Amino acid sequence: MTVHHHPPDEFLAAFAAGVLDLGQHIAVATHLVGCARCRAAVRAIEHVGGAVLAGLPPSAMSDGSLEALQRRLDEPVRVADAPARPRARGFTDVPGLPSLLDGYPGSSWKWIAPKVHLRPIRLAEPSATRVFLLKSGPGTKMIDHTHTGFEMTCVLSGSFVHAGGHFGPGDFDFGDGSVDHDVTIDSAEDCICLVAMQGDLKLNGLIGRLLQPLIRM
């Protein structure tokens, strides 16, 4: 797999720092599954962060810290409940997803437009970013659109093209209000992508404005 399009460096740094919300984290993790270059970049960022922490001068403990720790050591130990058995993975038919989605409840494909289907991923915790799979048939031409928020797209299979280039398996596409997306599926097979989105699509043109109330992602 040759990957040509990657997340911006600030997303990789935020992923390494653990400050992305769950939806954003899943999108970047999905890209990392197929991109050795970005996995190496994240490891390098983590190494630099660890070196910076190790080089910081020691800080004085607040008054009473040692006594508070000793009191906690005297508290009875609570035996943790046995972990619940994880549910069977609901997305075994979709290759290229990160292992953190193991055990997530499955969902079915929902029709949203001719040759376009959506499959929601119900996140394990609240997130400002919603995540779903999007499947588009060969030759599908999406309505020209922009975004009221942002959209992270990770290609799992198939491919598409727009003004920003050609996107195949492993590639990462980012869109926001400054980008107009005029997408065409150019693969002979269905194009399946994982999408993490905040805000909504804003359809351009007269036809887009007429269809806007009917399309929700």
N, C-alpha and C. Protein backbone atom coordinates (compact mmCIF):
# COMPACT_ATOMS: atom_id res chain seq x y z
N MET A 1 0.84 -1.20 0.00
CA MET A 1 0.00 0.00 0.00
C MET A 1 0.88 1.25 0.00
N THR A 2 0.68 2.13 -0.97
CA THR A 2 1.40 3.39 -1.02
C THR A 2 0.46 4.51 -0.60
N VAL A 3 0.82 5.21 0.47
CA VAL A 3 -0.03 6.28 1.01
C VAL A 3 0.55 7.62 0.58
N HIS A 4 -0.29 8.47 -0.01
CA HIS A 4 0.16 9.75 -0.54
C HIS A 4 -0.33 10.95 0.28
N HIS A 5 -1.43 10.79 1.01
CA HIS A 5 -2.03 11.92 1.73
C HIS A 5 -2.09 11.58 3.21
N HIS A 6 -1.64 12.51 4.05
CA HIS A 6 -1.47 12.26 5.48
C HIS A 6 -2.17 13.34 6.31
N PRO A 7 -2.45 13.06 7.60
CA PRO A 7 -2.98 14.11 8.47
C PRO A 7 -1.95 15.23 8.64
N PRO A 8 -2.41 16.47 8.86
CA PRO A 8 -1.46 17.54 9.18
C PRO A 8 -0.65 17.19 10.43
N ASP A 9 0.55 17.73 10.51
CA ASP A 9 1.44 17.41 11.64
C ASP A 9 0.79 17.72 12.98
N GLU A 10 -0.03 18.78 13.03
CA GLU A 10 -0.63 19.13 14.31
C GLU A 10 -1.59 18.05 14.80
N PHE A 11 -2.22 17.31 13.87
CA PHE A 11 -3.09 16.20 14.28
C PHE A 11 -2.26 15.04 14.83
N LEU A 12 -1.12 14.77 14.20
CA LEU A 12 -0.26 13.69 14.71
C LEU A 12 0.29 14.05 16.09
N ALA A 13 0.67 15.32 16.28
CA ALA A 13 1.17 15.75 17.59
C ALA A 13 0.07 15.65 18.65
N ALA A 14 -1.15 16.06 18.29
CA ALA A 14 -2.27 15.98 19.23
C ALA A 14 -2.62 14.54 19.55
N PHE A 15 -2.50 13.65 18.54
CA PHE A 15 -2.74 12.22 18.78
C PHE A 15 -1.71 11.69 19.77
N ALA A 16 -0.43 12.01 19.56
CA ALA A 16 0.62 11.53 20.46
C ALA A 16 0.43 12.07 21.87
N ALA A 17 -0.08 13.30 21.98
CA ALA A 17 -0.28 13.92 23.29
C ALA A 17 -1.57 13.44 23.97
N GLY A 18 -2.43 12.75 23.21
CA GLY A 18 -3.68 12.24 23.78
C GLY A 18 -4.72 13.31 24.02
N VAL A 19 -4.72 14.37 23.21
CA VAL A 19 -5.66 15.47 23.44
C VAL A 19 -6.78 15.52 22.40
N LEU A 20 -6.81 14.60 21.44
CA LEU A 20 -7.92 14.55 20.49
C LEU A 20 -9.15 13.96 21.17
N ASP A 21 -10.34 14.36 20.74
CA ASP A 21 -11.53 13.68 21.26
C ASP A 21 -11.61 12.30 20.59
N LEU A 22 -12.52 11.45 21.09
CA LEU A 22 -12.52 10.05 20.66
C LEU A 22 -12.74 9.92 19.15
N GLY A 23 -13.66 10.70 18.59
CA GLY A 23 -13.92 10.61 17.15
C GLY A 23 -12.69 10.96 16.32
N GLN A 24 -12.02 12.05 16.69
CA GLN A 24 -10.79 12.44 15.98
C GLN A 24 -9.70 11.39 16.17
N HIS A 25 -9.60 10.86 17.38
CA HIS A 25 -8.60 9.83 17.67
C HIS A 25 -8.79 8.61 16.78
N ILE A 26 -10.05 8.19 16.60
CA ILE A 26 -10.34 7.02 15.77
C ILE A 26 -9.92 7.29 14.33
N ALA A 27 -10.18 8.50 13.82
CA ALA A 27 -9.82 8.81 12.44
C ALA A 27 -8.31 8.74 12.24
N VAL A 28 -7.54 9.36 13.13
CA VAL A 28 -6.09 9.34 12.99
C VAL A 28 -5.57 7.92 13.19
N ALA A 29 -6.13 7.17 14.16
CA ALA A 29 -5.70 5.79 14.38
C ALA A 29 -5.96 4.92 13.15
N THR A 30 -7.07 5.17 12.47
CA THR A 30 -7.38 4.42 11.25
C THR A 30 -6.32 4.68 10.19
N HIS A 31 -5.90 5.92 10.03
CA HIS A 31 -4.84 6.23 9.07
C HIS A 31 -3.53 5.53 9.47
N LEU A 32 -3.23 5.51 10.76
CA LEU A 32 -1.97 4.93 11.22
C LEU A 32 -1.90 3.43 10.92
N VAL A 33 -3.06 2.76 10.86
CA VAL A 33 -3.07 1.33 10.56
C VAL A 33 -2.32 1.05 9.26
N GLY A 34 -2.50 1.91 8.26
CA GLY A 34 -1.92 1.65 6.95
C GLY A 34 -0.75 2.53 6.58
N CYS A 35 -0.27 3.38 7.50
CA CYS A 35 0.77 4.35 7.14
C CYS A 35 1.97 4.24 8.06
N ALA A 36 3.02 3.56 7.60
CA ALA A 36 4.24 3.40 8.40
C ALA A 36 4.91 4.74 8.66
N ARG A 37 4.84 5.64 7.68
CA ARG A 37 5.48 6.96 7.84
C ARG A 37 4.89 7.72 9.02
N CYS A 38 3.57 7.75 9.12
CA CYS A 38 2.93 8.49 10.22
C CYS A 38 3.09 7.76 11.54
N ARG A 39 3.13 6.43 11.55
CA ARG A 39 3.41 5.71 12.79
C ARG A 39 4.79 6.09 13.32
N ALA A 40 5.78 6.18 12.42
CA ALA A 40 7.13 6.58 12.83
C ALA A 40 7.13 8.02 13.35
N ALA A 41 6.35 8.89 12.72
CA ALA A 41 6.29 10.29 13.16
C ALA A 41 5.70 10.38 14.56
N VAL A 42 4.64 9.61 14.83
CA VAL A 42 4.02 9.62 16.17
C VAL A 42 5.01 9.11 17.20
N ARG A 43 5.74 8.03 16.88
CA ARG A 43 6.74 7.51 17.82
C ARG A 43 7.82 8.56 18.10
N ALA A 44 8.24 9.28 17.06
CA ALA A 44 9.25 10.32 17.25
C ALA A 44 8.73 11.44 18.15
N ILE A 45 7.48 11.85 17.94
CA ILE A 45 6.89 12.90 18.77
C ILE A 45 6.80 12.43 20.22
N GLU A 46 6.38 11.18 20.43
CA GLU A 46 6.30 10.65 21.78
C GLU A 46 7.68 10.61 22.43
N HIS A 47 8.71 10.24 21.65
CA HIS A 47 10.07 10.20 22.18
C HIS A 47 10.54 11.59 22.61
N VAL A 48 10.28 12.58 21.76
CA VAL A 48 10.67 13.95 22.09
C VAL A 48 9.93 14.42 23.34
N GLY A 49 8.63 14.13 23.41
CA GLY A 49 7.86 14.53 24.58
C GLY A 49 8.39 13.89 25.85
N GLY A 50 8.76 12.60 25.76
CA GLY A 50 9.32 11.92 26.93
C GLY A 50 10.65 12.51 27.35
N ALA A 51 11.48 12.88 26.35
CA ALA A 51 12.78 13.48 26.66
C ALA A 51 12.60 14.85 27.34
N VAL A 52 11.61 15.62 26.87
CA VAL A 52 11.36 16.92 27.48
C VAL A 52 10.93 16.75 28.93
N LEU A 53 10.02 15.80 29.18
CA LEU A 53 9.57 15.57 30.56
C LEU A 53 10.73 15.12 31.45
N ALA A 54 11.57 14.24 30.91
CA ALA A 54 12.69 13.74 31.70
C ALA A 54 13.68 14.84 32.03
N GLY A 55 13.76 15.86 31.18
CA GLY A 55 14.71 16.94 31.39
C GLY A 55 14.21 18.07 32.26
N LEU A 56 12.95 18.01 32.66
CA LEU A 56 12.41 19.08 33.50
C LEU A 56 13.00 18.99 34.91
N PRO A 57 13.25 20.14 35.54
CA PRO A 57 13.76 20.10 36.92
C PRO A 57 12.69 19.57 37.86
N PRO A 58 13.09 18.88 38.93
CA PRO A 58 12.09 18.35 39.88
C PRO A 58 11.33 19.48 40.56
N SER A 59 10.07 19.21 40.88
CA SER A 59 9.22 20.20 41.54
C SER A 59 9.02 19.78 42.99
N ALA A 60 8.98 20.76 43.85
CA ALA A 60 8.76 20.49 45.26
C ALA A 60 7.34 19.99 45.49
N MET A 61 7.21 19.02 46.37
CA MET A 61 5.88 18.51 46.72
C MET A 61 5.17 19.49 47.63
N SER A 62 3.86 19.53 47.53
CA SER A 62 3.08 20.42 48.39
C SER A 62 3.09 19.90 49.82
N ASP A 63 2.83 20.79 50.75
CA ASP A 63 2.81 20.40 52.16
C ASP A 63 1.75 19.33 52.40
N GLY A 64 2.12 18.31 53.14
CA GLY A 64 1.18 17.26 53.50
C GLY A 64 1.05 16.16 52.48
N SER A 65 1.81 16.21 51.36
CA SER A 65 1.69 15.19 50.31
C SER A 65 2.09 13.82 50.82
N LEU A 66 3.20 13.74 51.57
CA LEU A 66 3.66 12.45 52.06
C LEU A 66 2.65 11.84 53.03
N GLU A 67 2.12 12.67 53.91
CA GLU A 67 1.13 12.17 54.87
C GLU A 67 -0.13 11.68 54.16
N ALA A 68 -0.56 12.40 53.14
CA ALA A 68 -1.74 11.97 52.38
C ALA A 68 -1.49 10.64 51.70
N LEU A 69 -0.29 10.44 51.16
CA LEU A 69 0.04 9.18 50.52
C LEU A 69 0.04 8.04 51.53
N GLN A 70 0.59 8.28 52.71
CA GLN A 70 0.63 7.24 53.75
C GLN A 70 -0.78 6.86 54.19
N ARG A 71 -1.67 7.83 54.27
CA ARG A 71 -3.05 7.52 54.64
C ARG A 71 -3.72 6.64 53.59
N ARG A 72 -3.45 6.91 52.33
CA ARG A 72 -4.03 6.08 51.26
C ARG A 72 -3.49 4.67 51.30
N LEU A 73 -2.22 4.50 51.70
CA LEU A 73 -1.64 3.16 51.79
C LEU A 73 -2.33 2.32 52.87
N ASP A 74 -2.90 2.99 53.87
CA ASP A 74 -3.58 2.28 54.95
C ASP A 74 -5.03 1.95 54.62
N GLU A 75 -5.55 2.48 53.50
CA GLU A 75 -6.93 2.21 53.13
C GLU A 75 -7.09 0.77 52.65
N PRO A 76 -8.26 0.14 52.91
CA PRO A 76 -8.46 -1.24 52.44
C PRO A 76 -8.43 -1.31 50.92
N VAL A 77 -7.93 -2.43 50.43
CA VAL A 77 -7.83 -2.63 48.99
C VAL A 77 -9.16 -3.15 48.46
N ARG A 78 -9.69 -2.49 47.44
CA ARG A 78 -10.94 -2.92 46.82
C ARG A 78 -10.62 -3.82 45.64
N VAL A 79 -11.19 -5.00 45.64
CA VAL A 79 -10.98 -5.92 44.54
C VAL A 79 -11.83 -5.49 43.35
N ALA A 80 -11.19 -5.28 42.23
CA ALA A 80 -11.91 -4.81 41.05
C ALA A 80 -12.85 -5.89 40.53
N ASP A 81 -13.97 -5.46 40.01
CA ASP A 81 -14.90 -6.40 39.39
C ASP A 81 -14.26 -7.03 38.16
N ALA A 82 -14.65 -8.25 37.87
CA ALA A 82 -14.13 -8.92 36.68
C ALA A 82 -14.58 -8.14 35.45
N PRO A 83 -13.67 -7.90 34.52
CA PRO A 83 -14.06 -7.15 33.33
C PRO A 83 -15.12 -7.88 32.52
N ALA A 84 -16.02 -7.10 31.97
CA ALA A 84 -17.07 -7.71 31.16
C ALA A 84 -16.46 -8.28 29.89
N ARG A 85 -17.02 -9.39 29.45
CA ARG A 85 -16.53 -9.99 28.21
C ARG A 85 -16.87 -9.07 27.04
N PRO A 86 -15.85 -8.71 26.24
CA PRO A 86 -16.14 -7.80 25.13
C PRO A 86 -17.12 -8.40 24.14
N ARG A 87 -17.95 -7.54 23.58
CA ARG A 87 -18.90 -8.00 22.57
C ARG A 87 -18.16 -8.35 21.29
N ALA A 88 -18.78 -9.22 20.52
CA ALA A 88 -18.16 -9.58 19.25
C ALA A 88 -18.04 -8.34 18.37
N ARG A 89 -16.96 -8.25 17.63
CA ARG A 89 -16.76 -7.09 16.79
C ARG A 89 -17.85 -7.00 15.74
N GLY A 90 -18.40 -5.80 15.60
CA GLY A 90 -19.50 -5.63 14.67
C GLY A 90 -19.10 -5.17 13.29
N PHE A 91 -17.78 -5.05 13.03
CA PHE A 91 -17.33 -4.53 11.74
C PHE A 91 -16.29 -5.46 11.10
N THR A 92 -16.48 -6.76 11.31
CA THR A 92 -15.50 -7.73 10.78
C THR A 92 -15.47 -7.75 9.26
N ASP A 93 -16.51 -7.25 8.62
CA ASP A 93 -16.54 -7.26 7.16
C ASP A 93 -15.89 -6.01 6.57
N VAL A 94 -15.32 -5.15 7.41
CA VAL A 94 -14.71 -3.91 6.93
C VAL A 94 -13.23 -3.92 7.32
N PRO A 95 -12.33 -4.28 6.40
CA PRO A 95 -10.91 -4.31 6.74
C PRO A 95 -10.34 -2.90 6.89
N GLY A 96 -9.23 -2.81 7.64
CA GLY A 96 -8.53 -1.54 7.77
C GLY A 96 -8.93 -0.69 8.95
N LEU A 97 -9.83 -1.20 9.81
CA LEU A 97 -10.24 -0.43 10.98
C LEU A 97 -9.29 -0.70 12.14
N PRO A 98 -9.05 0.30 13.02
CA PRO A 98 -8.13 0.10 14.15
C PRO A 98 -8.70 -0.87 15.17
N SER A 99 -7.81 -1.52 15.93
CA SER A 99 -8.23 -2.52 16.90
C SER A 99 -9.06 -1.91 18.03
N LEU A 100 -8.96 -0.60 18.23
CA LEU A 100 -9.76 0.01 19.30
C LEU A 100 -11.25 -0.08 19.03
N LEU A 101 -11.63 -0.42 17.78
CA LEU A 101 -13.05 -0.62 17.47
C LEU A 101 -13.51 -2.04 17.74
N ASP A 102 -12.60 -2.92 18.17
CA ASP A 102 -12.99 -4.28 18.56
C ASP A 102 -14.03 -4.19 19.67
N GLY A 103 -15.09 -4.93 19.53
CA GLY A 103 -16.12 -4.94 20.56
C GLY A 103 -17.17 -3.87 20.40
N TYR A 104 -16.98 -2.93 19.48
CA TYR A 104 -18.02 -1.93 19.26
C TYR A 104 -19.25 -2.61 18.65
N PRO A 105 -20.45 -2.18 19.06
CA PRO A 105 -21.65 -2.80 18.49
C PRO A 105 -21.77 -2.53 17.00
N GLY A 106 -22.21 -3.53 16.27
CA GLY A 106 -22.35 -3.39 14.83
C GLY A 106 -23.54 -2.54 14.44
N SER A 107 -23.60 -2.19 13.19
CA SER A 107 -24.72 -1.42 12.65
C SER A 107 -24.88 -1.81 11.19
N SER A 108 -26.00 -1.45 10.61
CA SER A 108 -26.26 -1.81 9.22
C SER A 108 -26.10 -0.59 8.31
N TRP A 109 -25.91 -0.85 7.01
CA TRP A 109 -25.80 0.23 6.04
C TRP A 109 -27.16 0.90 5.84
N LYS A 110 -27.16 2.23 5.80
CA LYS A 110 -28.37 3.00 5.57
C LYS A 110 -28.25 3.79 4.27
N TRP A 111 -29.28 3.71 3.43
CA TRP A 111 -29.31 4.46 2.17
C TRP A 111 -29.44 5.94 2.46
N ILE A 112 -28.57 6.77 1.85
CA ILE A 112 -28.73 8.22 2.01
C ILE A 112 -28.83 8.92 0.66
N ALA A 113 -28.41 8.25 -0.43
CA ALA A 113 -28.50 8.81 -1.78
C ALA A 113 -28.25 7.66 -2.75
N PRO A 114 -28.59 7.82 -4.04
CA PRO A 114 -28.31 6.74 -4.99
C PRO A 114 -26.86 6.30 -4.96
N LYS A 115 -26.64 5.01 -4.73
CA LYS A 115 -25.31 4.38 -4.67
C LYS A 115 -24.45 4.88 -3.50
N VAL A 116 -25.07 5.51 -2.51
CA VAL A 116 -24.33 5.99 -1.34
C VAL A 116 -25.03 5.48 -0.08
N HIS A 117 -24.26 4.82 0.79
CA HIS A 117 -24.81 4.27 2.03
C HIS A 117 -23.91 4.66 3.20
N LEU A 118 -24.53 4.82 4.35
CA LEU A 118 -23.84 5.23 5.57
C LEU A 118 -24.04 4.18 6.65
N ARG A 119 -23.00 3.95 7.44
CA ARG A 119 -23.06 2.97 8.53
C ARG A 119 -22.50 3.62 9.79
N PRO A 120 -23.35 4.00 10.75
CA PRO A 120 -22.86 4.73 11.92
C PRO A 120 -22.02 3.85 12.84
N ILE A 121 -21.07 4.49 13.51
CA ILE A 121 -20.27 3.84 14.55
C ILE A 121 -20.63 4.52 15.86
N ARG A 122 -21.27 3.79 16.76
CA ARG A 122 -21.69 4.34 18.04
C ARG A 122 -20.49 4.33 18.98
N LEU A 123 -20.03 5.52 19.36
CA LEU A 123 -18.81 5.64 20.16
C LEU A 123 -19.04 5.21 21.60
N ALA A 124 -17.96 4.78 22.24
CA ALA A 124 -18.05 4.24 23.60
C ALA A 124 -18.16 5.34 24.64
N GLU A 125 -17.92 6.59 24.26
CA GLU A 125 -18.02 7.71 25.19
C GLU A 125 -18.44 8.95 24.41
N PRO A 126 -18.95 9.97 25.11
CA PRO A 126 -19.38 11.18 24.40
C PRO A 126 -18.22 11.82 23.63
N SER A 127 -18.51 12.31 22.44
CA SER A 127 -17.49 12.95 21.62
C SER A 127 -18.15 14.03 20.78
N ALA A 128 -17.46 15.15 20.63
CA ALA A 128 -17.99 16.21 19.78
C ALA A 128 -17.94 15.83 18.31
N THR A 129 -17.18 14.79 18.00
CA THR A 129 -17.01 14.33 16.62
C THR A 129 -17.76 13.03 16.42
N ARG A 130 -18.63 12.97 15.41
CA ARG A 130 -19.33 11.73 15.11
C ARG A 130 -18.54 10.96 14.05
N VAL A 131 -18.68 9.65 14.08
CA VAL A 131 -17.88 8.78 13.21
C VAL A 131 -18.82 7.82 12.49
N PHE A 132 -18.56 7.60 11.21
CA PHE A 132 -19.37 6.67 10.44
C PHE A 132 -18.56 6.14 9.26
N LEU A 133 -19.05 5.04 8.69
CA LEU A 133 -18.50 4.52 7.45
C LEU A 133 -19.36 5.01 6.30
N LEU A 134 -18.74 5.35 5.19
CA LEU A 134 -19.46 5.82 4.01
C LEU A 134 -19.05 4.96 2.83
N LYS A 135 -20.04 4.37 2.17
CA LYS A 135 -19.79 3.50 1.02
C LYS A 135 -20.44 4.11 -0.21
N SER A 136 -19.64 4.31 -1.26
CA SER A 136 -20.13 4.92 -2.50
C SER A 136 -19.80 4.02 -3.68
N GLY A 137 -20.75 3.82 -4.57
CA GLY A 137 -20.57 2.94 -5.70
C GLY A 137 -19.67 3.52 -6.78
N PRO A 138 -19.11 2.67 -7.64
CA PRO A 138 -18.25 3.13 -8.73
C PRO A 138 -18.94 4.18 -9.58
N GLY A 139 -18.20 5.22 -9.94
CA GLY A 139 -18.72 6.27 -10.80
C GLY A 139 -19.58 7.31 -10.11
N THR A 140 -19.83 7.14 -8.82
CA THR A 140 -20.66 8.11 -8.11
C THR A 140 -20.00 9.48 -8.09
N LYS A 141 -20.76 10.49 -8.38
CA LYS A 141 -20.27 11.87 -8.30
C LYS A 141 -21.04 12.58 -7.18
N MET A 142 -20.34 12.92 -6.13
CA MET A 142 -20.97 13.59 -5.01
C MET A 142 -21.32 15.03 -5.38
N ILE A 143 -22.36 15.55 -4.76
CA ILE A 143 -22.72 16.95 -4.97
C ILE A 143 -21.62 17.84 -4.40
N ASP A 144 -21.21 18.84 -5.15
CA ASP A 144 -20.18 19.78 -4.70
C ASP A 144 -20.60 20.37 -3.36
N HIS A 145 -19.67 20.35 -2.39
CA HIS A 145 -20.03 20.78 -1.05
C HIS A 145 -18.82 21.34 -0.30
N THR A 146 -19.12 22.07 0.76
CA THR A 146 -18.13 22.47 1.72
C THR A 146 -18.63 22.04 3.10
N HIS A 147 -18.07 22.57 4.18
CA HIS A 147 -18.38 22.07 5.52
C HIS A 147 -18.59 23.22 6.49
N THR A 148 -19.55 23.05 7.40
CA THR A 148 -19.72 24.04 8.47
C THR A 148 -18.76 23.77 9.61
N GLY A 149 -18.20 22.57 9.67
CA GLY A 149 -17.18 22.22 10.66
C GLY A 149 -15.98 21.64 9.96
N PHE A 150 -15.62 20.40 10.31
CA PHE A 150 -14.52 19.75 9.61
C PHE A 150 -14.89 18.30 9.32
N GLU A 151 -14.16 17.71 8.39
CA GLU A 151 -14.38 16.32 8.00
C GLU A 151 -13.02 15.65 7.78
N MET A 152 -12.77 14.56 8.52
CA MET A 152 -11.59 13.72 8.31
C MET A 152 -12.06 12.46 7.60
N THR A 153 -11.42 12.13 6.48
CA THR A 153 -11.82 10.96 5.70
C THR A 153 -10.62 10.04 5.53
N CYS A 154 -10.79 8.77 5.93
CA CYS A 154 -9.75 7.76 5.77
C CYS A 154 -10.26 6.71 4.79
N VAL A 155 -9.55 6.53 3.68
CA VAL A 155 -9.97 5.57 2.66
C VAL A 155 -9.58 4.16 3.09
N LEU A 156 -10.56 3.26 3.13
CA LEU A 156 -10.32 1.86 3.48
C LEU A 156 -10.20 0.99 2.24
N SER A 157 -11.03 1.24 1.25
CA SER A 157 -10.98 0.49 -0.01
C SER A 157 -11.55 1.35 -1.12
N GLY A 158 -11.20 1.01 -2.38
CA GLY A 158 -11.63 1.83 -3.49
C GLY A 158 -10.87 3.14 -3.53
N SER A 159 -11.36 4.11 -4.27
CA SER A 159 -10.66 5.38 -4.40
C SER A 159 -11.60 6.47 -4.90
N PHE A 160 -11.20 7.72 -4.66
CA PHE A 160 -11.94 8.86 -5.19
C PHE A 160 -10.95 9.94 -5.60
N VAL A 161 -11.47 10.91 -6.32
CA VAL A 161 -10.63 12.01 -6.79
C VAL A 161 -11.39 13.32 -6.63
N HIS A 162 -10.66 14.38 -6.30
CA HIS A 162 -11.20 15.74 -6.33
C HIS A 162 -10.03 16.68 -6.59
N ALA A 163 -10.28 17.98 -6.47
CA ALA A 163 -9.25 18.95 -6.82
C ALA A 163 -7.98 18.79 -5.99
N GLY A 164 -8.11 18.18 -4.81
CA GLY A 164 -6.95 18.00 -3.95
C GLY A 164 -6.09 16.81 -4.32
N GLY A 165 -6.52 15.99 -5.30
CA GLY A 165 -5.72 14.86 -5.73
C GLY A 165 -6.51 13.57 -5.77
N HIS A 166 -5.76 12.47 -5.88
CA HIS A 166 -6.34 11.13 -5.94
C HIS A 166 -6.12 10.45 -4.59
N PHE A 167 -7.18 9.84 -4.06
CA PHE A 167 -7.13 9.25 -2.72
C PHE A 167 -7.50 7.77 -2.79
N GLY A 168 -6.57 6.92 -2.38
CA GLY A 168 -6.79 5.48 -2.37
C GLY A 168 -6.62 4.92 -0.97
N PRO A 169 -6.59 3.60 -0.82
CA PRO A 169 -6.50 2.97 0.50
C PRO A 169 -5.34 3.51 1.33
N GLY A 170 -5.64 3.89 2.56
CA GLY A 170 -4.64 4.43 3.48
C GLY A 170 -4.56 5.94 3.48
N ASP A 171 -5.09 6.60 2.44
CA ASP A 171 -4.98 8.05 2.36
C ASP A 171 -5.94 8.74 3.33
N PHE A 172 -5.54 9.95 3.73
CA PHE A 172 -6.29 10.77 4.68
C PHE A 172 -6.63 12.09 4.01
N ASP A 173 -7.90 12.46 4.04
CA ASP A 173 -8.36 13.71 3.43
C ASP A 173 -8.99 14.56 4.51
N PHE A 174 -8.67 15.86 4.51
CA PHE A 174 -9.23 16.78 5.51
C PHE A 174 -9.96 17.90 4.80
N GLY A 175 -11.17 18.17 5.24
CA GLY A 175 -11.96 19.26 4.67
C GLY A 175 -12.56 20.12 5.76
N ASP A 176 -12.68 21.40 5.49
CA ASP A 176 -13.37 22.32 6.41
C ASP A 176 -14.05 23.41 5.58
N GLY A 177 -14.43 24.49 6.22
CA GLY A 177 -15.17 25.53 5.52
C GLY A 177 -14.39 26.24 4.44
N SER A 178 -13.07 26.07 4.42
CA SER A 178 -12.26 26.73 3.40
C SER A 178 -12.08 25.87 2.15
N VAL A 179 -12.63 24.65 2.16
CA VAL A 179 -12.41 23.69 1.07
C VAL A 179 -13.73 23.35 0.40
N ASP A 180 -13.76 23.40 -0.92
CA ASP A 180 -14.90 22.90 -1.70
C ASP A 180 -14.56 21.49 -2.18
N HIS A 181 -15.40 20.54 -1.86
CA HIS A 181 -15.18 19.15 -2.26
C HIS A 181 -16.10 18.79 -3.43
N ASP A 182 -15.50 18.42 -4.53
CA ASP A 182 -16.23 17.96 -5.72
C ASP A 182 -15.71 16.55 -6.01
N VAL A 183 -16.30 15.56 -5.35
CA VAL A 183 -15.73 14.20 -5.27
C VAL A 183 -16.37 13.28 -6.30
N THR A 184 -15.52 12.48 -6.96
CA THR A 184 -15.98 11.44 -7.88
C THR A 184 -15.29 10.12 -7.51
N ILE A 185 -16.08 9.07 -7.39
CA ILE A 185 -15.52 7.74 -7.13
C ILE A 185 -14.98 7.20 -8.45
N ASP A 186 -13.66 6.94 -8.51
CA ASP A 186 -13.06 6.52 -9.76
C ASP A 186 -12.55 5.08 -9.74
N SER A 187 -12.91 4.32 -8.72
CA SER A 187 -12.49 2.91 -8.66
C SER A 187 -13.57 2.02 -9.26
N ALA A 188 -13.16 0.82 -9.65
CA ALA A 188 -14.10 -0.15 -10.21
C ALA A 188 -14.89 -0.86 -9.12
N GLU A 189 -14.53 -0.65 -7.88
CA GLU A 189 -15.21 -1.25 -6.73
C GLU A 189 -15.81 -0.14 -5.87
N ASP A 190 -16.63 -0.54 -4.90
CA ASP A 190 -17.15 0.43 -3.95
C ASP A 190 -16.00 1.12 -3.23
N CYS A 191 -16.16 2.39 -2.96
CA CYS A 191 -15.20 3.13 -2.14
C CYS A 191 -15.77 3.21 -0.73
N ILE A 192 -15.06 2.63 0.23
CA ILE A 192 -15.49 2.64 1.63
C ILE A 192 -14.50 3.49 2.43
N CYS A 193 -15.03 4.45 3.15
CA CYS A 193 -14.20 5.35 3.94
C CYS A 193 -14.72 5.42 5.37
N LEU A 194 -13.81 5.64 6.31
CA LEU A 194 -14.20 6.03 7.66
C LEU A 194 -14.15 7.54 7.71
N VAL A 195 -15.24 8.14 8.20
CA VAL A 195 -15.36 9.60 8.24
C VAL A 195 -15.59 10.04 9.68
N ALA A 196 -14.84 11.05 10.11
CA ALA A 196 -15.05 11.69 11.41
C ALA A 196 -15.42 13.15 11.12
N MET A 197 -16.55 13.59 11.66
CA MET A 197 -17.08 14.89 11.23
C MET A 197 -17.64 15.68 12.41
N GLN A 198 -17.39 16.98 12.36
CA GLN A 198 -18.12 17.94 13.18
C GLN A 198 -18.83 18.91 12.24
N GLY A 199 -19.98 19.38 12.65
CA GLY A 199 -20.76 20.25 11.77
C GLY A 199 -21.48 19.44 10.71
N ASP A 200 -21.83 20.09 9.61
CA ASP A 200 -22.62 19.46 8.55
C ASP A 200 -22.03 19.77 7.18
N LEU A 201 -22.47 18.98 6.19
CA LEU A 201 -22.16 19.33 4.81
C LEU A 201 -22.99 20.55 4.41
N LYS A 202 -22.39 21.41 3.63
CA LYS A 202 -23.10 22.56 3.07
C LYS A 202 -23.04 22.41 1.56
N LEU A 203 -24.16 21.99 0.95
CA LEU A 203 -24.20 21.70 -0.48
C LEU A 203 -24.20 22.98 -1.29
N ASN A 204 -23.40 22.99 -2.35
CA ASN A 204 -23.28 24.18 -3.19
C ASN A 204 -24.22 24.10 -4.40
N GLY A 205 -24.53 25.23 -5.00
CA GLY A 205 -25.33 25.26 -6.22
C GLY A 205 -26.81 25.16 -5.96
N LEU A 206 -27.60 25.38 -7.01
CA LEU A 206 -29.06 25.36 -6.89
C LEU A 206 -29.55 23.97 -6.50
N ILE A 207 -29.05 22.92 -7.16
CA ILE A 207 -29.49 21.56 -6.84
C ILE A 207 -29.10 21.22 -5.41
N GLY A 208 -27.91 21.62 -5.01
CA GLY A 208 -27.48 21.35 -3.64
C GLY A 208 -28.40 21.99 -2.62
N ARG A 209 -28.78 23.24 -2.87
CA ARG A 209 -29.66 23.92 -1.93
C ARG A 209 -31.04 23.26 -1.87
N LEU A 210 -31.51 22.73 -2.99
CA LEU A 210 -32.80 22.04 -3.00
C LEU A 210 -32.73 20.72 -2.23
N LEU A 211 -31.57 20.04 -2.34
CA LEU A 211 -31.43 18.73 -1.69
C LEU A 211 -30.95 18.83 -0.25
N GLN A 212 -30.47 19.99 0.18
CA GLN A 212 -29.88 20.14 1.50
C GLN A 212 -30.76 19.59 2.63
N PRO A 213 -32.08 19.88 2.63
CA PRO A 213 -32.90 19.38 3.75
C PRO A 213 -33.01 17.86 3.80
N LEU A 214 -32.68 17.17 2.68
CA LEU A 214 -32.88 15.73 2.60
C LEU A 214 -31.64 14.94 2.97
N ILE A 215 -30.48 15.61 3.05
CA ILE A 215 -29.22 14.89 3.26
C ILE A 215 -28.65 15.26 4.62
N ARG A 216 -28.48 14.26 5.47
CA ARG A 216 -27.89 14.44 6.79
C ARG A 216 -26.86 13.34 7.02
N MET A 217 -25.69 13.71 7.51
CA MET A 217 -24.65 12.74 7.81
C MET A 217 -24.20 12.90 9.26
